Amino acid sequence: MAYEPLEERRLYVRAELVADGIWELIAGWPEFTRDTVGKQLVRAADSIGANIAEGGGRFHPGEVRQFLYYARGSLCETKFFLRRAAKRMLINESRFLALDSELEQLAKEINATINYQKTRST
């Protein structure tokens, strides 16, 4: 497999796009909602990409997988807070569905990458 810079990997790019979309969404919220649900949602979304990046800096497949597991956990946390935002009518249904769909695709890519790492020999 040819070397591909982390910033060009589809998984990493998708994580950045999701995090940026959530940031843009929350930036206009009132202070109370930003300080409660908003900050948690931004942190969780940013953590997905941060863990993918940290795993990308590791060599051993087991270490890479561990950070991908963390990314997957952050993705689940992001989905939780996204559902809270939708339930509390902080985002409209179409925006919720679009972000949720992106997160579902990202989850599939994280799982595929975890499975690939299981086949790698050290």
N, C-alpha and C. Protein backbone atom coordinates (compact mmCIF):
# COMPACT_ATOMS: atom_id res chain seq x y z
N MET A 1 0.85 -1.18 0.00
CA MET A 1 0.00 0.00 0.00
C MET A 1 0.89 1.24 0.00
N ALA A 2 0.63 2.16 -0.93
CA ALA A 2 1.41 3.39 -1.02
C ALA A 2 1.10 4.30 0.15
N TYR A 3 2.10 5.11 0.52
CA TYR A 3 1.91 6.05 1.62
C TYR A 3 0.89 7.12 1.22
N GLU A 4 -0.01 7.38 2.12
CA GLU A 4 -1.01 8.43 1.91
C GLU A 4 -1.01 9.31 3.15
N PRO A 5 -0.74 10.62 2.99
CA PRO A 5 -0.74 11.50 4.15
C PRO A 5 -2.08 11.44 4.88
N LEU A 6 -2.02 11.51 6.20
CA LEU A 6 -3.22 11.42 7.02
C LEU A 6 -4.29 12.41 6.58
N GLU A 7 -3.88 13.62 6.26
CA GLU A 7 -4.83 14.66 5.89
C GLU A 7 -5.57 14.37 4.59
N GLU A 8 -5.10 13.39 3.82
CA GLU A 8 -5.75 13.04 2.56
C GLU A 8 -6.58 11.76 2.66
N ARG A 9 -6.53 11.09 3.78
CA ARG A 9 -7.30 9.85 3.94
C ARG A 9 -8.78 10.18 4.09
N ARG A 10 -9.61 9.41 3.40
CA ARG A 10 -11.06 9.65 3.39
C ARG A 10 -11.64 9.67 4.80
N LEU A 11 -11.19 8.77 5.64
CA LEU A 11 -11.68 8.68 7.01
C LEU A 11 -11.41 9.98 7.77
N TYR A 12 -10.21 10.47 7.66
CA TYR A 12 -9.82 11.70 8.35
C TYR A 12 -10.56 12.91 7.79
N VAL A 13 -10.65 12.98 6.46
CA VAL A 13 -11.35 14.09 5.81
C VAL A 13 -12.82 14.12 6.22
N ARG A 14 -13.47 12.97 6.25
CA ARG A 14 -14.88 12.91 6.65
C ARG A 14 -15.04 13.36 8.11
N ALA A 15 -14.13 12.94 8.98
CA ALA A 15 -14.20 13.34 10.39
C ALA A 15 -14.06 14.86 10.52
N GLU A 16 -13.16 15.45 9.73
CA GLU A 16 -13.02 16.91 9.75
C GLU A 16 -14.28 17.61 9.26
N LEU A 17 -14.87 17.10 8.19
CA LEU A 17 -16.08 17.71 7.64
C LEU A 17 -17.23 17.67 8.64
N VAL A 18 -17.39 16.54 9.33
CA VAL A 18 -18.45 16.43 10.33
C VAL A 18 -18.19 17.42 11.47
N ALA A 19 -16.96 17.46 11.97
CA ALA A 19 -16.63 18.37 13.07
C ALA A 19 -16.85 19.82 12.67
N ASP A 20 -16.44 20.19 11.46
CA ASP A 20 -16.62 21.57 10.99
C ASP A 20 -18.10 21.91 10.82
N GLY A 21 -18.88 20.95 10.32
CA GLY A 21 -20.32 21.18 10.17
C GLY A 21 -21.00 21.40 11.50
N ILE A 22 -20.59 20.64 12.51
CA ILE A 22 -21.16 20.80 13.84
C ILE A 22 -20.74 22.14 14.44
N TRP A 23 -19.49 22.52 14.24
CA TRP A 23 -19.01 23.82 14.75
C TRP A 23 -19.84 24.96 14.16
N GLU A 24 -20.03 24.94 12.85
CA GLU A 24 -20.80 25.99 12.20
C GLU A 24 -22.23 26.05 12.72
N LEU A 25 -22.80 24.90 12.97
CA LEU A 25 -24.16 24.82 13.49
C LEU A 25 -24.26 25.45 14.87
N ILE A 26 -23.33 25.17 15.73
CA ILE A 26 -23.40 25.58 17.12
C ILE A 26 -22.94 27.02 17.34
N ALA A 27 -22.11 27.52 16.47
CA ALA A 27 -21.57 28.87 16.65
C ALA A 27 -22.65 29.93 16.82
N GLY A 28 -23.81 29.74 16.23
CA GLY A 28 -24.87 30.73 16.31
C GLY A 28 -25.88 30.50 17.42
N TRP A 29 -25.68 29.46 18.22
CA TRP A 29 -26.62 29.17 19.29
C TRP A 29 -26.51 30.19 20.42
N PRO A 30 -27.60 30.38 21.17
CA PRO A 30 -27.54 31.24 22.36
C PRO A 30 -26.55 30.67 23.40
N GLU A 31 -26.12 31.52 24.29
CA GLU A 31 -25.08 31.15 25.26
C GLU A 31 -25.42 29.90 26.08
N PHE A 32 -26.62 29.82 26.60
CA PHE A 32 -26.98 28.67 27.44
C PHE A 32 -26.86 27.36 26.68
N THR A 33 -27.41 27.31 25.48
CA THR A 33 -27.37 26.06 24.71
C THR A 33 -25.95 25.74 24.25
N ARG A 34 -25.16 26.77 23.93
CA ARG A 34 -23.75 26.54 23.57
C ARG A 34 -22.98 25.97 24.75
N ASP A 35 -23.25 26.50 25.97
CA ASP A 35 -22.51 26.08 27.16
C ASP A 35 -22.91 24.70 27.66
N THR A 36 -24.06 24.22 27.28
CA THR A 36 -24.50 22.91 27.75
C THR A 36 -24.32 21.88 26.65
N VAL A 37 -25.29 21.72 25.81
CA VAL A 37 -25.25 20.73 24.75
C VAL A 37 -24.19 21.06 23.70
N GLY A 38 -24.06 22.32 23.35
CA GLY A 38 -23.16 22.74 22.27
C GLY A 38 -21.71 22.38 22.49
N LYS A 39 -21.18 22.73 23.65
CA LYS A 39 -19.77 22.44 23.91
C LYS A 39 -19.50 20.95 23.95
N GLN A 40 -20.41 20.19 24.53
CA GLN A 40 -20.24 18.74 24.58
C GLN A 40 -20.25 18.15 23.17
N LEU A 41 -21.15 18.64 22.34
CA LEU A 41 -21.26 18.15 20.97
C LEU A 41 -20.00 18.48 20.18
N VAL A 42 -19.49 19.68 20.31
CA VAL A 42 -18.26 20.08 19.60
C VAL A 42 -17.08 19.24 20.07
N ARG A 43 -16.94 19.08 21.39
CA ARG A 43 -15.82 18.29 21.91
C ARG A 43 -15.87 16.84 21.42
N ALA A 44 -17.06 16.26 21.45
CA ALA A 44 -17.20 14.87 21.01
C ALA A 44 -16.87 14.74 19.52
N ALA A 45 -17.38 15.66 18.71
CA ALA A 45 -17.13 15.60 17.27
C ALA A 45 -15.65 15.83 16.96
N ASP A 46 -15.02 16.79 17.63
CA ASP A 46 -13.59 17.03 17.42
C ASP A 46 -12.76 15.83 17.86
N SER A 47 -13.22 15.13 18.89
CA SER A 47 -12.48 14.00 19.41
C SER A 47 -12.43 12.83 18.42
N ILE A 48 -13.43 12.72 17.56
CA ILE A 48 -13.41 11.65 16.55
C ILE A 48 -12.15 11.81 15.69
N GLY A 49 -11.99 12.98 15.09
CA GLY A 49 -10.84 13.23 14.23
C GLY A 49 -9.52 13.23 14.98
N ALA A 50 -9.53 13.74 16.21
CA ALA A 50 -8.30 13.77 17.00
C ALA A 50 -7.80 12.36 17.28
N ASN A 51 -8.70 11.45 17.58
CA ASN A 51 -8.28 10.07 17.84
C ASN A 51 -7.85 9.35 16.57
N ILE A 52 -8.51 9.66 15.46
CA ILE A 52 -8.06 9.10 14.17
C ILE A 52 -6.65 9.59 13.88
N ALA A 53 -6.40 10.88 14.12
CA ALA A 53 -5.07 11.46 13.88
C ALA A 53 -4.03 10.82 14.78
N GLU A 54 -4.36 10.65 16.06
CA GLU A 54 -3.39 10.05 16.97
C GLU A 54 -3.09 8.61 16.58
N GLY A 55 -4.12 7.87 16.19
CA GLY A 55 -3.90 6.50 15.71
C GLY A 55 -3.06 6.48 14.46
N GLY A 56 -3.24 7.49 13.60
CA GLY A 56 -2.46 7.58 12.37
C GLY A 56 -0.98 7.78 12.61
N GLY A 57 -0.64 8.26 13.80
CA GLY A 57 0.76 8.47 14.15
C GLY A 57 1.40 7.25 14.81
N ARG A 58 0.66 6.19 14.94
CA ARG A 58 1.17 4.97 15.58
C ARG A 58 1.57 3.95 14.52
N PHE A 59 2.46 3.05 14.89
CA PHE A 59 2.90 2.02 13.94
C PHE A 59 2.22 0.69 14.20
N HIS A 60 2.21 0.26 15.44
CA HIS A 60 1.70 -1.06 15.78
C HIS A 60 0.20 -1.13 15.55
N PRO A 61 -0.28 -2.15 14.84
CA PRO A 61 -1.71 -2.25 14.54
C PRO A 61 -2.61 -2.23 15.78
N GLY A 62 -2.13 -2.79 16.87
CA GLY A 62 -2.91 -2.79 18.10
C GLY A 62 -3.12 -1.39 18.64
N GLU A 63 -2.08 -0.57 18.56
CA GLU A 63 -2.20 0.83 19.01
C GLU A 63 -3.13 1.61 18.08
N VAL A 64 -2.97 1.39 16.79
CA VAL A 64 -3.83 2.08 15.82
C VAL A 64 -5.30 1.73 16.10
N ARG A 65 -5.57 0.45 16.30
CA ARG A 65 -6.94 0.01 16.60
C ARG A 65 -7.47 0.66 17.86
N GLN A 66 -6.64 0.74 18.90
CA GLN A 66 -7.09 1.33 20.16
C GLN A 66 -7.59 2.75 19.95
N PHE A 67 -6.87 3.55 19.18
CA PHE A 67 -7.31 4.92 18.94
C PHE A 67 -8.54 4.97 18.03
N LEU A 68 -8.66 4.00 17.15
CA LEU A 68 -9.88 3.92 16.34
C LEU A 68 -11.08 3.54 17.21
N TYR A 69 -10.86 2.72 18.22
CA TYR A 69 -11.94 2.40 19.16
C TYR A 69 -12.34 3.67 19.93
N TYR A 70 -11.36 4.47 20.32
CA TYR A 70 -11.67 5.74 20.99
C TYR A 70 -12.48 6.64 20.06
N ALA A 71 -12.07 6.68 18.79
CA ALA A 71 -12.79 7.51 17.80
C ALA A 71 -14.23 7.03 17.67
N ARG A 72 -14.41 5.72 17.65
CA ARG A 72 -15.76 5.16 17.54
C ARG A 72 -16.59 5.52 18.78
N GLY A 73 -15.98 5.51 19.94
CA GLY A 73 -16.68 5.92 21.16
C GLY A 73 -17.07 7.38 21.10
N SER A 74 -16.19 8.22 20.61
CA SER A 74 -16.50 9.65 20.47
C SER A 74 -17.61 9.86 19.45
N LEU A 75 -17.64 9.03 18.42
CA LEU A 75 -18.71 9.10 17.44
C LEU A 75 -20.06 8.79 18.09
N CYS A 76 -20.09 7.78 18.94
CA CYS A 76 -21.34 7.44 19.65
C CYS A 76 -21.76 8.60 20.56
N GLU A 77 -20.80 9.22 21.22
CA GLU A 77 -21.10 10.37 22.07
C GLU A 77 -21.64 11.53 21.22
N THR A 78 -21.06 11.74 20.06
CA THR A 78 -21.52 12.79 19.16
C THR A 78 -22.97 12.54 18.76
N LYS A 79 -23.28 11.29 18.41
CA LYS A 79 -24.65 10.96 18.03
C LYS A 79 -25.62 11.20 19.19
N PHE A 80 -25.19 10.90 20.41
CA PHE A 80 -26.04 11.15 21.57
C PHE A 80 -26.39 12.63 21.69
N PHE A 81 -25.37 13.49 21.64
CA PHE A 81 -25.63 14.91 21.79
C PHE A 81 -26.35 15.50 20.58
N LEU A 82 -26.13 14.93 19.41
CA LEU A 82 -26.87 15.36 18.23
C LEU A 82 -28.36 15.05 18.40
N ARG A 83 -28.66 13.87 18.93
CA ARG A 83 -30.06 13.52 19.20
C ARG A 83 -30.66 14.44 20.27
N ARG A 84 -29.87 14.81 21.26
CA ARG A 84 -30.37 15.74 22.28
C ARG A 84 -30.70 17.09 21.64
N ALA A 85 -29.82 17.54 20.75
CA ALA A 85 -30.05 18.82 20.08
C ALA A 85 -31.32 18.78 19.24
N ALA A 86 -31.54 17.66 18.56
CA ALA A 86 -32.75 17.52 17.74
C ALA A 86 -33.99 17.47 18.63
N LYS A 87 -33.93 16.70 19.69
CA LYS A 87 -35.07 16.55 20.59
C LYS A 87 -35.44 17.89 21.24
N ARG A 88 -34.44 18.72 21.50
CA ARG A 88 -34.67 20.01 22.14
C ARG A 88 -34.91 21.12 21.12
N MET A 89 -35.09 20.69 19.87
CA MET A 89 -35.39 21.59 18.75
C MET A 89 -34.34 22.69 18.55
N LEU A 90 -33.08 22.30 18.74
CA LEU A 90 -31.98 23.22 18.50
C LEU A 90 -31.51 23.14 17.04
N ILE A 91 -31.85 22.03 16.37
CA ILE A 91 -31.56 21.87 14.95
C ILE A 91 -32.81 21.32 14.27
N ASN A 92 -32.94 21.63 13.00
CA ASN A 92 -34.12 21.12 12.28
C ASN A 92 -33.87 19.67 11.85
N GLU A 93 -34.93 19.01 11.46
CA GLU A 93 -34.86 17.59 11.15
C GLU A 93 -33.95 17.30 9.96
N SER A 94 -33.98 18.14 8.94
CA SER A 94 -33.15 17.87 7.76
C SER A 94 -31.66 17.98 8.10
N ARG A 95 -31.30 18.95 8.93
CA ARG A 95 -29.89 19.09 9.34
C ARG A 95 -29.48 17.90 10.20
N PHE A 96 -30.38 17.49 11.11
CA PHE A 96 -30.12 16.33 11.94
C PHE A 96 -29.88 15.09 11.08
N LEU A 97 -30.77 14.86 10.12
CA LEU A 97 -30.66 13.67 9.27
C LEU A 97 -29.38 13.69 8.44
N ALA A 98 -28.99 14.86 7.95
CA ALA A 98 -27.77 14.96 7.15
C ALA A 98 -26.53 14.65 8.00
N LEU A 99 -26.46 15.23 9.21
CA LEU A 99 -25.31 14.97 10.08
C LEU A 99 -25.31 13.52 10.56
N ASP A 100 -26.48 13.00 10.89
CA ASP A 100 -26.58 11.61 11.34
C ASP A 100 -26.12 10.66 10.24
N SER A 101 -26.49 10.95 9.01
CA SER A 101 -26.08 10.14 7.88
C SER A 101 -24.56 10.17 7.71
N GLU A 102 -23.97 11.34 7.84
CA GLU A 102 -22.51 11.45 7.75
C GLU A 102 -21.84 10.64 8.86
N LEU A 103 -22.40 10.70 10.06
CA LEU A 103 -21.84 9.94 11.18
C LEU A 103 -21.97 8.44 10.95
N GLU A 104 -23.08 8.01 10.36
CA GLU A 104 -23.26 6.59 10.05
C GLU A 104 -22.20 6.12 9.05
N GLN A 105 -21.96 6.93 8.03
CA GLN A 105 -20.94 6.57 7.04
C GLN A 105 -19.56 6.55 7.68
N LEU A 106 -19.29 7.53 8.52
CA LEU A 106 -18.00 7.59 9.22
C LEU A 106 -17.82 6.36 10.11
N ALA A 107 -18.88 5.94 10.78
CA ALA A 107 -18.81 4.74 11.63
C ALA A 107 -18.44 3.51 10.80
N LYS A 108 -19.03 3.38 9.62
CA LYS A 108 -18.71 2.25 8.74
C LYS A 108 -17.24 2.28 8.33
N GLU A 109 -16.74 3.47 8.05
CA GLU A 109 -15.34 3.59 7.64
C GLU A 109 -14.40 3.32 8.80
N ILE A 110 -14.76 3.75 10.00
CA ILE A 110 -13.93 3.45 11.17
C ILE A 110 -13.90 1.94 11.38
N ASN A 111 -15.06 1.28 11.31
CA ASN A 111 -15.11 -0.17 11.49
C ASN A 111 -14.30 -0.90 10.43
N ALA A 112 -14.38 -0.45 9.20
CA ALA A 112 -13.60 -1.07 8.12
C ALA A 112 -12.11 -0.91 8.38
N THR A 113 -11.72 0.25 8.87
CA THR A 113 -10.31 0.50 9.15
C THR A 113 -9.84 -0.35 10.33
N ILE A 114 -10.68 -0.50 11.34
CA ILE A 114 -10.35 -1.39 12.46
C ILE A 114 -10.13 -2.81 11.93
N ASN A 115 -11.04 -3.28 11.10
CA ASN A 115 -10.91 -4.63 10.54
C ASN A 115 -9.65 -4.77 9.70
N TYR A 116 -9.31 -3.74 8.95
CA TYR A 116 -8.07 -3.79 8.18
C TYR A 116 -6.87 -3.90 9.11
N GLN A 117 -6.87 -3.13 10.19
CA GLN A 117 -5.75 -3.16 11.12
C GLN A 117 -5.59 -4.53 11.77
N LYS A 118 -6.68 -5.26 11.88
CA LYS A 118 -6.60 -6.62 12.45
C LYS A 118 -5.86 -7.57 11.53
N THR A 119 -5.79 -7.25 10.23
CA THR A 119 -5.11 -8.12 9.26
C THR A 119 -3.65 -7.74 9.08
N ARG A 120 -3.26 -6.58 9.56
CA ARG A 120 -1.88 -6.11 9.40
C ARG A 120 -0.94 -6.90 10.29
N SER A 121 0.20 -7.26 9.75
CA SER A 121 1.24 -7.89 10.58
C SER A 121 2.25 -6.83 10.97
N THR A 122 2.87 -7.00 12.09
CA THR A 122 3.86 -6.00 12.55
C THR A 122 5.22 -6.33 12.06
